[in-house]
Amino acid sequence: MADVPVPLSMEKIIGSGKPLVLVVNIVYAVALAGVSVMSEPPRVPVLTENDWLAHGLAYMLQTLLLYCLFRPMTAPSRAILAAAGTAALFGTVMEVGQVVMPGRFFELQDVLANGVGVGAGVVLLLGFRRSPQTRPEEASR
């Protein structure tokens, strides 16, 4: 079945029957924004030692959560694009916003790590889409 583009709107998000998914996305975005503006972010041993890993995992998870939000409203490929674009834009805005925060600095490496995380989320979503377990009609061919 071909993907049919459907315009995204707040009415479709709220009316999709997925208010919990919306709430989880909002809470996660607020948490990411909060950590982004803290002058002293919380220390998590493995993630503090590897900033790339922390950024990548954070934005991979955001991409997956956003996909869950957008998917009921639109075709899978469009939901993946919307999730990836939204997560990448959010990560870039958060990083650029650090320029005005005391004790924080814009780092291009962080933007790249966010992008790698978004890309990893997209790869996971594409893998799930093509998996025979998620498409019974393909498994029976």
Protein backbone atom coordinates (compact mmCIF):
# COMPACT_ATOMS: atom_id res chain seq x y z
CA MET A 1 0.00 0.00 0.00
CA ALA A 2 1.44 3.37 -1.00
CA ASP A 3 2.14 6.03 1.59
CA VAL A 4 -0.53 8.70 1.42
CA PRO A 5 0.68 12.09 2.67
CA VAL A 6 -1.51 13.57 5.38
CA PRO A 7 -0.83 17.07 6.73
CA LEU A 8 0.23 17.05 10.39
CA SER A 9 -1.68 19.26 12.80
CA MET A 10 -2.19 19.63 16.53
CA GLU A 11 -5.82 18.58 16.10
CA LYS A 12 -4.66 15.28 14.61
CA ILE A 13 -2.11 14.79 17.41
CA ILE A 14 -4.63 15.37 20.17
CA GLY A 15 -7.42 13.58 18.32
CA SER A 16 -5.26 10.57 17.50
CA GLY A 17 -6.24 8.82 20.72
CA LYS A 18 -2.63 8.92 21.91
CA PRO A 19 -2.58 11.56 24.66
CA LEU A 20 -0.08 9.51 26.70
CA VAL A 21 2.33 9.51 23.75
CA LEU A 22 1.92 13.30 23.51
CA VAL A 23 2.56 13.72 27.25
CA VAL A 24 5.65 11.48 27.13
CA ASN A 25 7.03 13.49 24.19
CA ILE A 26 6.44 16.79 25.98
CA VAL A 27 8.01 15.58 29.23
CA TYR A 28 11.02 14.18 27.34
CA ALA A 29 11.50 17.41 25.35
CA VAL A 30 11.27 19.51 28.53
CA ALA A 31 13.80 17.22 30.24
CA LEU A 32 16.20 17.48 27.29
CA ALA A 33 15.79 21.25 27.23
CA GLY A 34 16.36 21.42 30.98
CA VAL A 35 19.58 19.44 30.78
CA SER A 36 20.69 21.56 27.82
CA VAL A 37 20.42 24.82 29.76
CA MET A 38 21.82 23.63 33.11
CA SER A 39 25.20 25.10 33.91
CA GLU A 40 26.07 21.81 35.66
CA PRO A 41 24.15 18.92 34.04
CA PRO A 42 23.70 15.76 36.14
CA ARG A 43 26.61 13.35 36.08
CA VAL A 44 25.96 9.82 34.85
CA PRO A 45 29.30 7.94 34.88
CA VAL A 46 29.20 6.18 31.49
CA LEU A 47 27.44 9.06 29.72
CA THR A 48 29.52 11.83 31.32
CA GLU A 49 32.72 10.16 30.12
CA ASN A 50 31.39 9.88 26.56
CA ASP A 51 29.46 13.01 25.60
CA TRP A 52 28.88 11.66 22.06
CA LEU A 53 27.16 8.60 23.48
CA ALA A 54 24.92 10.73 25.72
CA HIS A 55 23.88 13.00 22.83
CA GLY A 56 23.40 10.09 20.43
CA LEU A 57 21.24 8.06 22.80
CA ALA A 58 19.19 11.10 23.83
CA TYR A 59 18.30 12.04 20.25
CA MET A 60 17.83 8.46 19.09
CA LEU A 61 15.23 8.06 21.84
CA GLN A 62 13.63 11.39 20.94
CA THR A 63 13.35 10.27 17.30
CA LEU A 64 11.67 7.01 18.34
CA LEU A 65 9.25 8.81 20.68
CA LEU A 66 8.36 11.38 18.03
CA TYR A 67 7.71 8.59 15.53
CA CYS A 68 5.22 7.07 17.99
CA LEU A 69 3.53 10.46 18.15
CA PHE A 70 3.39 11.11 14.39
CA ARG A 71 2.68 7.57 13.15
CA PRO A 72 -1.07 7.41 13.93
CA MET A 73 -1.59 10.56 11.87
CA THR A 74 0.36 9.83 8.72
CA ALA A 75 2.10 7.23 6.59
CA PRO A 76 5.15 5.47 8.09
CA SER A 77 7.71 7.10 5.82
CA ARG A 78 6.29 10.54 6.46
CA ALA A 79 6.21 9.87 10.22
CA ILE A 80 9.90 8.87 10.11
CA LEU A 81 10.79 12.06 8.23
CA ALA A 82 8.73 14.20 10.61
CA ALA A 83 10.30 12.54 13.67
CA ALA A 84 13.84 12.84 12.32
CA GLY A 85 13.40 16.44 11.22
CA THR A 86 11.79 17.49 14.49
CA ALA A 87 14.46 15.78 16.63
CA ALA A 88 17.32 17.20 14.54
CA LEU A 89 15.85 20.71 14.64
CA PHE A 90 15.19 20.49 18.38
CA GLY A 91 18.76 19.31 19.06
CA THR A 92 20.24 22.09 16.95
CA VAL A 93 18.10 24.76 18.61
CA MET A 94 19.05 23.47 22.06
CA GLU A 95 22.73 23.53 21.16
CA VAL A 96 22.61 27.01 19.60
CA GLY A 97 20.63 28.23 22.63
CA GLN A 98 23.56 27.32 24.86
CA VAL A 99 25.43 30.34 23.47
CA VAL A 100 23.43 32.60 25.81
CA MET A 101 23.57 30.28 28.83
CA PRO A 102 26.22 30.96 31.50
CA GLY A 103 28.73 28.14 31.65
CA ARG A 104 27.48 26.50 28.44
CA PHE A 105 28.93 26.67 24.93
CA PHE A 106 27.84 25.81 21.40
CA GLU A 107 29.72 22.75 20.16
CA LEU A 108 29.41 21.54 16.58
CA GLN A 109 30.44 18.05 17.75
CA ASP A 110 27.30 17.93 19.91
CA VAL A 111 25.11 18.85 16.92
CA LEU A 112 26.81 16.09 14.92
CA ALA A 113 26.32 13.59 17.77
CA ASN A 114 22.64 14.55 17.94
CA GLY A 115 22.42 13.92 14.19
CA VAL A 116 24.08 10.52 14.56
CA GLY A 117 21.50 9.66 17.22
CA VAL A 118 18.66 10.78 14.96
CA GLY A 119 20.16 8.70 12.15
CA ALA A 120 20.38 5.66 14.43
CA GLY A 121 16.71 6.13 15.32
CA VAL A 122 15.81 6.28 11.64
CA VAL A 123 17.80 3.10 10.94
CA LEU A 124 15.97 1.33 13.77
CA LEU A 125 12.60 2.51 12.49
CA LEU A 126 13.39 1.44 8.93
CA GLY A 127 14.53 -1.93 10.24
CA PHE A 128 11.29 -2.38 12.16
CA ARG A 129 9.28 -1.39 9.09
CA ARG A 130 10.99 -4.02 6.97
CA SER A 131 10.98 -6.74 9.59
CA PRO A 132 8.75 -9.75 8.69
CA GLN A 133 7.56 -9.92 12.32
CA THR A 134 6.00 -6.46 12.00
CA ARG A 135 4.39 -7.21 8.63
CA PRO A 136 2.61 -10.57 8.68
CA GLU A 137 1.59 -10.26 5.02
CA GLU A 138 5.28 -10.18 4.02
CA ALA A 139 6.11 -13.18 6.23
CA SER A 140 3.56 -15.35 4.41
CA ARG A 141 4.98 -14.66 0.92
